[in-house]
C-alpha cells in the first residue's frame, strides 16, 4: 500500500545525508506524492529531531515531516553502498552510520505512528535485514517487506 509507487533506490552512492534526502524527496515530488516544500520540511525536521537509529549494529533513518506537505501517503526507500552519517534519534549527539533510509510521506498524522512502529519491528528482524542488505531489485524488496508484514 505505501510502496505501491515503487519508489526505491537500491545501492545508491551518496556523500552525505543532505544529498540522499534531496534525491529521495525529489523522487517523491516528481511522482506527485509531496508538495514542493517537502524537502525543506525534511531537512529542517532532521536538524531539530534527528531520525538515525542503530538497531543490532545496523544504521537506519526515518526522515519525515508534516502531513500538510504530503499529497498522498507513500514510503520511499534507499539502501546505500556506503553509510552516511545521521544524528541519533534518542541522542542527537550520537553519530549513526546509516545504511537504510525509509522516508515517510504520510497524508494522515496517525499513519506516521503506525508505520514507525511497523518499521521498528522490521529493523529488529535480523533475517529480514540480512535480506535487505543483499536486495538488488524492487521485486525482492517488496517480497522482503511483505514477508515482514509491511505492505
Protein backbone atom coordinates (compact mmCIF):
# COMPACT_ATOMS: atom_id res chain seq x y z
CA UNK A 1 0.00 0.00 0.00
CA UNK A 2 2.66 2.54 0.99
CA UNK A 3 5.10 1.15 -1.55
CA UNK A 4 2.68 0.97 -4.49
CA UNK A 5 4.56 3.65 -6.44
CA UNK A 6 7.69 1.55 -6.04
CA UNK A 7 9.88 4.47 -5.02
CA UNK A 8 13.02 2.58 -4.23
CA UNK A 9 16.70 3.42 -4.66
CA UNK A 10 18.98 0.41 -4.25
CA UNK A 11 22.73 0.53 -3.56
CA UNK A 12 22.98 4.29 -4.04
CA UNK A 13 26.18 6.24 -3.60
CA UNK A 14 25.72 9.39 -1.56
CA UNK A 15 28.40 11.51 0.03
CA UNK A 16 26.23 12.89 2.83
CA UNK A 17 22.82 12.99 4.45
CA UNK A 18 21.56 16.04 2.57
CA UNK A 19 22.42 14.52 -0.81
CA UNK A 20 20.44 11.31 -0.25
CA UNK A 21 17.50 13.10 1.39
CA UNK A 22 17.33 15.52 -1.55
CA UNK A 23 17.38 12.66 -4.06
CA UNK A 24 14.60 10.83 -2.21
CA UNK A 25 12.43 13.93 -1.75
CA UNK A 26 12.83 14.82 -5.44
CA UNK A 27 11.69 11.33 -6.37
CA UNK A 28 8.58 11.75 -4.20
CA UNK A 29 7.91 15.21 -5.65
CA UNK A 30 8.33 14.13 -9.28
CA UNK A 31 5.74 11.39 -8.66
CA UNK A 32 3.25 13.90 -7.25
CA UNK A 33 3.39 12.39 -3.76
CA UNK A 34 4.58 15.52 -1.93
CA UNK A 35 4.49 19.28 -2.27
CA UNK A 36 7.42 21.42 -3.36
CA UNK A 37 8.25 22.40 0.24
CA UNK A 38 8.52 18.77 1.42
CA UNK A 39 12.33 18.70 1.09
CA UNK A 40 12.71 21.86 3.18
CA UNK A 41 10.44 20.31 5.80
CA UNK A 42 12.50 17.10 5.83
CA UNK A 43 15.83 18.92 6.16
CA UNK A 44 14.58 21.27 8.89
CA UNK A 45 12.97 18.48 10.87
CA UNK A 46 16.08 16.30 10.60
CA UNK A 47 18.14 19.14 12.14
CA UNK A 48 15.72 19.61 15.04
CA UNK A 49 14.62 15.99 15.54
CA UNK A 50 17.17 13.61 14.03
CA UNK A 51 15.96 10.19 12.91
CA UNK A 52 19.07 7.98 12.95
CA UNK A 53 18.66 4.66 14.72
CA UNK A 54 21.18 1.92 15.39
CA UNK A 55 19.47 -1.47 15.70
CA UNK A 56 21.61 -4.61 16.06
CA UNK A 57 24.64 -2.70 14.70
CA UNK A 58 22.77 -1.58 11.55
CA UNK A 59 22.01 2.11 10.92
CA UNK A 60 18.56 3.24 9.81
CA UNK A 61 16.95 6.64 9.30
CA UNK A 62 13.26 7.53 9.22
CA UNK A 63 13.06 11.08 7.86
CA UNK A 64 9.57 12.59 7.75
CA UNK A 65 7.80 15.93 8.05
CA UNK A 66 4.34 17.46 8.44
CA UNK A 67 1.43 15.79 6.68
CA UNK A 68 0.48 19.20 5.22
CA UNK A 69 3.39 18.74 2.78
CA UNK A 70 2.06 15.39 1.54
CA UNK A 71 -0.46 14.80 -1.27
CA UNK A 72 -0.62 11.00 -0.98
CA UNK A 73 0.77 8.56 1.60
CA UNK A 74 3.87 6.76 0.39
CA UNK A 75 7.23 5.48 1.64
CA UNK A 76 10.42 5.97 -0.32
CA UNK A 77 13.28 3.56 0.45
CA UNK A 78 17.01 3.87 -0.18
CA UNK A 79 19.84 1.48 0.55
CA UNK A 80 23.35 2.92 0.44
CA UNK A 81 26.58 1.38 -0.82
CA UNK A 82 28.43 3.19 1.95
CA UNK A 83 26.72 4.53 5.08
CA UNK A 84 26.16 8.26 5.59
CA UNK A 85 26.04 9.90 8.99
CA UNK A 86 22.79 10.86 10.70
CA UNK A 87 22.43 12.15 14.23
CA UNK A 88 20.77 9.75 16.64
CA UNK A 89 17.05 9.83 17.33
CA UNK A 90 17.45 9.20 21.06
CA UNK A 91 20.71 11.15 21.49
CA UNK A 92 21.28 13.84 18.87
CA UNK A 93 25.00 13.99 19.69
CA UNK A 94 25.35 10.34 18.63
CA UNK A 95 26.57 9.84 15.05
CA UNK A 96 24.85 6.90 13.34
CA UNK A 97 26.30 5.36 10.15
CA UNK A 98 23.04 4.87 8.22
CA UNK A 99 22.74 2.25 5.52
CA UNK A 100 18.94 2.13 5.07
CA UNK A 101 16.56 5.09 4.79
CA UNK A 102 12.79 4.91 4.88
CA UNK A 103 11.44 8.36 4.02
CA UNK A 104 7.87 8.61 5.25
CA UNK A 105 5.38 10.77 3.38
CA UNK A 106 2.14 10.30 5.32
CA UNK A 107 -1.02 12.24 4.49
CA UNK A 108 -2.69 11.39 7.82
CA UNK A 109 -0.71 12.00 11.04
CA UNK A 110 -1.85 8.69 12.60
CA UNK A 111 -0.30 6.77 9.69
CA UNK A 112 3.14 8.02 10.71
CA UNK A 113 2.90 6.43 14.16
CA UNK A 114 1.62 3.12 12.76
CA UNK A 115 4.32 2.96 10.12
CA UNK A 116 7.10 3.90 12.53
CA UNK A 117 6.00 1.01 14.76
CA UNK A 118 5.97 -1.46 11.84
CA UNK A 119 9.35 -0.31 10.60
CA UNK A 120 10.94 -0.60 14.06
CA UNK A 121 9.67 -4.20 14.15
CA UNK A 122 11.28 -4.76 10.74
CA UNK A 123 14.59 -3.28 11.93
CA UNK A 124 14.66 -5.82 14.76
CA UNK A 125 14.14 -8.72 12.34
CA UNK A 126 17.75 -9.73 11.69
CA UNK A 127 16.85 -12.16 8.90
CA UNK A 128 14.89 -9.50 7.01
CA UNK A 129 17.74 -7.00 7.41
CA UNK A 130 20.26 -9.52 6.05
CA UNK A 131 17.94 -9.94 3.04
CA UNK A 132 17.68 -6.15 2.63
CA UNK A 133 21.48 -5.92 2.57
CA UNK A 134 21.54 -8.36 -0.37
CA UNK A 135 18.48 -6.94 -2.11
CA UNK A 136 19.06 -5.87 -5.71
CA UNK A 137 15.56 -5.43 -7.17
CA UNK A 138 12.23 -3.85 -6.38
CA UNK A 139 10.57 -7.28 -6.55
CA UNK A 140 12.93 -8.65 -3.88
CA UNK A 141 12.42 -5.55 -1.75
CA UNK A 142 8.62 -5.84 -1.81
CA UNK A 143 8.84 -9.57 -1.04
CA UNK A 144 11.06 -8.89 2.00
CA UNK A 145 8.64 -6.26 3.30
CA UNK A 146 5.58 -8.43 2.71
CA UNK A 147 7.27 -11.33 4.48
CA UNK A 148 7.91 -8.99 7.43
CA UNK A 149 4.25 -7.90 7.42
CA UNK A 150 4.74 -4.44 5.90
CA UNK A 151 2.65 -3.56 2.86
